Amino acid sequence: MKLLFNMSTDPWDLARYADREDFLAMLQGFDGVELMFLGEDAKGIVPKEKVVGYHMVCPYCWLDFFRGDRTALLREFDDDETVRRVFGGLTPDVLADHYRRELERAKTYGAEYIVFHVSNAGMAETLSGRYRHSDREVIDGSCELLNLIFPADGDHPQLMLENLWEPGLRMTDPEMTARLLEGVKTPNKGIMLDTGHLMHTEPALKNQREAVAYIHE
């Protein structure tokens, strides 16, 4: 087992450390980090050899963009310029290109695994809890997208599929979990079980004892 913590290259995160030595001193007792790339690490704070995992930047509301549903996109983002800023373009192919760049960056860092959020929800959906897409729709879209990015021969860092509490992989329906694992063609894959996200699927939990029991169940 490896003990890691999440880290990003956002300037706000990197500003916590004076230099690489300061970062490495903080890293004592850990095996490394799971990194999210949010800009260049100009000061070289995070050494590549300490990057064990790589967490891809996952747009929170991507399925309508991938399906080319402009009406839904404008309802979420107001105008095409905002859509362009969020996704890097206006055509669905730019989403796959984004994740291909993320995969190549993970390889550059030498990451052992790479994380993808199997989830989709708009801002109003998140606030209301009323969702337009089902788990099945998000899982099928995720399979289609991931099969465009990850080679079927498994020659890449291990793809870890992370659960959330919104439509997609929630880890509460074995049929949906199986559908995802069967639909993603690369054999080099697994589940990134986020226990905190799993607890979010049961709002009635009141304490740690109940939470642990729910996770085991």
Protein backbone atom coordinates (compact mmCIF):
# COMPACT_ATOMS: atom_id res chain seq x y z
CA MET A 1 0.00 0.00 0.00
CA LYS A 2 1.18 3.52 -0.76
CA LEU A 3 0.27 6.59 1.28
CA LEU A 4 -0.33 9.58 -1.00
CA PHE A 5 -2.04 12.94 -0.85
CA ASN A 6 -3.71 15.01 -3.53
CA MET A 7 -1.78 17.95 -4.95
CA SER A 8 -2.30 20.33 -7.86
CA THR A 9 -0.03 22.67 -9.78
CA ASP A 10 -2.42 25.57 -9.27
CA PRO A 11 -0.37 28.61 -8.14
CA TRP A 12 -2.40 28.74 -4.91
CA ASP A 13 -1.33 25.19 -4.04
CA LEU A 14 2.30 25.69 -5.04
CA ALA A 15 2.55 28.98 -3.10
CA ARG A 16 2.40 27.01 0.14
CA TYR A 17 6.01 25.92 -0.44
CA ALA A 18 9.06 28.15 -0.64
CA ASP A 19 10.91 25.71 -2.89
CA ARG A 20 11.31 22.01 -3.70
CA GLU A 21 13.18 21.30 -0.47
CA ASP A 22 10.30 22.78 1.52
CA PHE A 23 7.86 20.54 -0.36
CA LEU A 24 9.99 17.43 0.16
CA ALA A 25 10.24 18.16 3.88
CA MET A 26 6.46 18.23 4.08
CA LEU A 27 6.33 14.96 2.11
CA GLN A 28 8.15 13.04 4.83
CA GLY A 29 6.12 9.95 5.74
CA PHE A 30 4.29 9.89 2.41
CA ASP A 31 5.17 7.82 -0.67
CA GLY A 32 4.29 10.65 -3.06
CA VAL A 33 1.36 12.57 -4.50
CA GLU A 34 -1.61 12.19 -6.80
CA LEU A 35 -1.18 15.23 -9.03
CA MET A 36 -3.68 17.35 -10.93
CA PHE A 37 -2.18 19.64 -13.56
CA LEU A 38 -3.64 23.16 -13.37
CA GLY A 39 -0.75 25.13 -14.85
CA GLU A 40 2.99 24.95 -15.21
CA ASP A 41 5.06 24.26 -12.10
CA ALA A 42 7.50 27.04 -12.96
CA LYS A 43 9.57 26.66 -9.77
CA GLY A 44 9.81 22.88 -10.08
CA ILE A 45 8.21 22.39 -6.65
CA VAL A 46 6.94 18.85 -7.35
CA PRO A 47 9.62 16.41 -8.56
CA LYS A 48 8.43 13.96 -11.21
CA GLU A 49 9.66 11.00 -9.21
CA LYS A 50 7.20 11.86 -6.44
CA VAL A 51 4.16 11.72 -8.76
CA VAL A 52 2.63 8.28 -8.21
CA GLY A 53 -0.85 9.06 -9.55
CA TYR A 54 -2.28 11.61 -11.96
CA HIS A 55 -5.82 12.97 -11.63
CA MET A 56 -7.19 14.18 -14.94
CA VAL A 57 -8.97 17.54 -15.02
CA CYS A 58 -12.59 16.51 -15.55
CA PRO A 59 -15.13 19.17 -16.63
CA TYR A 60 -18.10 18.81 -14.28
CA CYS A 61 -20.69 18.97 -17.06
CA TRP A 62 -19.34 17.31 -20.21
CA LEU A 63 -21.88 14.84 -21.58
CA ASP A 64 -24.04 17.40 -23.41
CA PHE A 65 -20.88 18.83 -24.99
CA PHE A 66 -19.74 15.35 -26.05
CA ARG A 67 -23.17 14.62 -27.52
CA GLY A 68 -23.32 18.00 -29.32
CA ASP A 69 -26.44 19.18 -27.48
CA ARG A 70 -26.09 22.93 -28.02
CA THR A 71 -29.46 23.74 -26.42
CA ALA A 72 -28.43 22.12 -23.15
CA LEU A 73 -24.99 23.75 -23.29
CA LEU A 74 -26.42 27.23 -23.69
CA ARG A 75 -28.80 26.58 -20.82
CA GLU A 76 -25.79 25.74 -18.65
CA PHE A 77 -23.18 28.23 -19.92
CA ASP A 78 -25.26 31.07 -21.46
CA ASP A 79 -23.20 31.60 -24.63
CA ASP A 80 -20.78 29.94 -27.05
CA GLU A 81 -17.81 31.95 -25.80
CA THR A 82 -18.20 30.53 -22.29
CA VAL A 83 -18.52 27.02 -23.75
CA ARG A 84 -15.30 27.63 -25.69
CA ARG A 85 -13.46 28.83 -22.56
CA VAL A 86 -14.61 25.82 -20.53
CA PHE A 87 -13.88 23.10 -23.09
CA GLY A 88 -11.28 24.69 -25.34
CA GLY A 89 -13.51 24.72 -28.41
CA LEU A 90 -17.05 24.16 -29.67
CA THR A 91 -16.85 20.70 -31.26
CA PRO A 92 -16.96 17.40 -29.34
CA ASP A 93 -13.55 16.27 -30.61
CA VAL A 94 -11.78 18.84 -28.41
CA LEU A 95 -12.92 16.90 -25.32
CA ALA A 96 -11.14 13.74 -26.45
CA ASP A 97 -8.12 15.85 -27.38
CA HIS A 98 -8.09 17.31 -23.86
CA TYR A 99 -8.00 13.86 -22.28
CA ARG A 100 -5.35 12.64 -24.73
CA ARG A 101 -3.14 15.51 -23.58
CA GLU A 102 -3.84 14.57 -19.97
CA LEU A 103 -2.82 10.98 -20.68
CA GLU A 104 0.42 12.11 -22.32
CA ARG A 105 1.14 14.40 -19.38
CA ALA A 106 0.61 11.51 -16.96
CA LYS A 107 3.13 9.48 -18.96
CA THR A 108 5.60 12.38 -18.88
CA TYR A 109 5.36 12.44 -15.09
CA GLY A 110 5.82 8.68 -14.97
CA ALA A 111 2.55 8.19 -13.09
CA GLU A 112 1.59 4.63 -12.21
CA TYR A 113 -2.12 5.34 -12.55
CA ILE A 114 -4.47 7.99 -13.95
CA VAL A 115 -7.90 8.91 -12.54
CA PHE A 116 -11.11 9.69 -14.45
CA HIS A 117 -14.31 10.92 -12.75
CA VAL A 118 -17.24 8.87 -14.07
CA SER A 119 -19.84 11.55 -13.36
CA ASN A 120 -21.79 14.36 -14.97
CA ALA A 121 -23.98 17.11 -13.50
CA GLY A 122 -24.77 20.72 -14.27
CA MET A 123 -24.70 23.47 -11.68
CA ALA A 124 -28.50 23.65 -11.25
CA GLU A 125 -28.63 19.85 -11.06
CA THR A 126 -26.01 19.81 -8.33
CA LEU A 127 -27.90 22.40 -6.30
CA SER A 128 -31.32 20.81 -6.77
CA GLY A 129 -30.50 17.11 -6.88
CA ARG A 130 -32.71 16.75 -9.96
CA TYR A 131 -30.68 15.28 -12.80
CA ARG A 132 -31.30 15.13 -16.55
CA HIS A 133 -29.07 12.14 -17.28
CA SER A 134 -29.21 8.66 -15.77
CA ASP A 135 -26.31 6.60 -14.44
CA ARG A 136 -26.55 4.46 -17.57
CA GLU A 137 -26.31 7.46 -19.91
CA VAL A 138 -23.24 8.84 -18.13
CA ILE A 139 -21.57 5.43 -17.98
CA ASP A 140 -22.22 4.74 -21.66
CA GLY A 141 -20.89 8.18 -22.59
CA SER A 142 -17.82 7.63 -20.39
CA CYS A 143 -17.12 4.29 -22.06
CA GLU A 144 -17.38 5.86 -25.51
CA LEU A 145 -15.09 8.73 -24.54
CA LEU A 146 -12.50 6.61 -22.75
CA ASN A 147 -12.32 4.12 -25.62
CA LEU A 148 -11.30 7.01 -27.87
CA ILE A 149 -8.41 7.87 -25.53
CA PHE A 150 -7.00 4.72 -23.97
CA PRO A 151 -5.47 2.08 -26.26
CA ALA A 152 -7.14 -1.32 -26.09
CA ASP A 153 -3.76 -3.03 -25.59
CA GLY A 154 -3.49 -1.49 -22.12
CA ASP A 155 -0.17 0.26 -22.82
CA HIS A 156 -0.73 3.22 -20.48
CA PRO A 157 -0.77 4.06 -16.76
CA GLN A 158 -3.54 2.10 -15.08
CA LEU A 159 -6.89 3.79 -15.67
CA MET A 160 -8.70 4.25 -12.35
CA LEU A 161 -12.44 4.97 -12.56
CA GLU A 162 -13.58 7.12 -9.64
CA ASN A 163 -17.05 7.13 -8.13
CA LEU A 164 -19.03 10.24 -7.24
CA TRP A 165 -22.53 10.70 -5.85
CA GLU A 166 -24.07 12.24 -8.97
CA PRO A 167 -25.10 10.40 -12.17
CA GLY A 168 -22.48 7.93 -13.35
CA LEU A 169 -20.47 5.53 -11.21
CA ARG A 170 -21.95 5.80 -7.72
CA MET A 171 -20.86 2.32 -6.48
CA THR A 172 -24.42 1.68 -5.28
CA ASP A 173 -25.60 -0.44 -8.24
CA PRO A 174 -23.46 -3.50 -9.14
CA GLU A 175 -25.12 -3.72 -12.57
CA MET A 176 -23.94 -0.21 -13.45
CA THR A 177 -20.44 -0.88 -12.11
CA ALA A 178 -20.24 -4.03 -14.25
CA ARG A 179 -21.54 -2.12 -17.28
CA LEU A 180 -18.73 0.40 -16.89
CA LEU A 181 -15.97 -2.16 -16.43
CA GLU A 182 -17.21 -4.20 -19.39
CA GLY A 183 -17.69 -1.12 -21.58
CA VAL A 184 -14.18 0.32 -21.13
CA LYS A 185 -12.09 -1.84 -23.43
CA THR A 186 -8.60 -1.45 -22.03
CA PRO A 187 -7.72 -4.33 -19.67
CA ASN A 188 -5.47 -2.01 -17.64
CA LYS A 189 -8.21 -0.50 -15.46
CA GLY A 190 -9.70 -0.57 -11.99
CA ILE A 191 -11.94 1.22 -9.50
CA MET A 192 -10.76 4.26 -7.53
CA LEU A 193 -13.11 3.95 -4.57
CA ASP A 194 -13.62 7.34 -2.93
CA THR A 195 -15.23 6.53 0.41
CA GLY A 196 -16.18 10.16 1.04
CA HIS A 197 -18.00 10.30 -2.27
CA LEU A 198 -19.72 7.02 -1.45
CA MET A 199 -20.94 8.42 1.86
CA HIS A 200 -22.54 11.31 -0.06
CA THR A 201 -24.92 8.81 -1.67
CA GLU A 202 -26.63 8.35 1.73
CA PRO A 203 -27.56 11.74 3.24
CA ALA A 204 -29.08 10.05 6.33
CA LEU A 205 -25.69 9.08 7.76
CA LYS A 206 -25.21 10.77 11.14
CA ASN A 207 -21.81 9.64 12.45
CA GLN A 208 -18.62 7.77 11.67
CA ARG A 209 -19.93 4.42 12.88
CA GLU A 210 -22.90 4.59 10.52
CA ALA A 211 -20.65 5.77 7.67
CA VAL A 212 -18.21 2.86 8.05
CA ALA A 213 -21.09 0.37 8.22
CA TYR A 214 -22.60 1.88 5.05
CA ILE A 215 -19.30 1.64 3.16
CA HIS A 216 -18.90 -2.03 4.14
CA GLU A 217 -22.49 -2.76 3.12
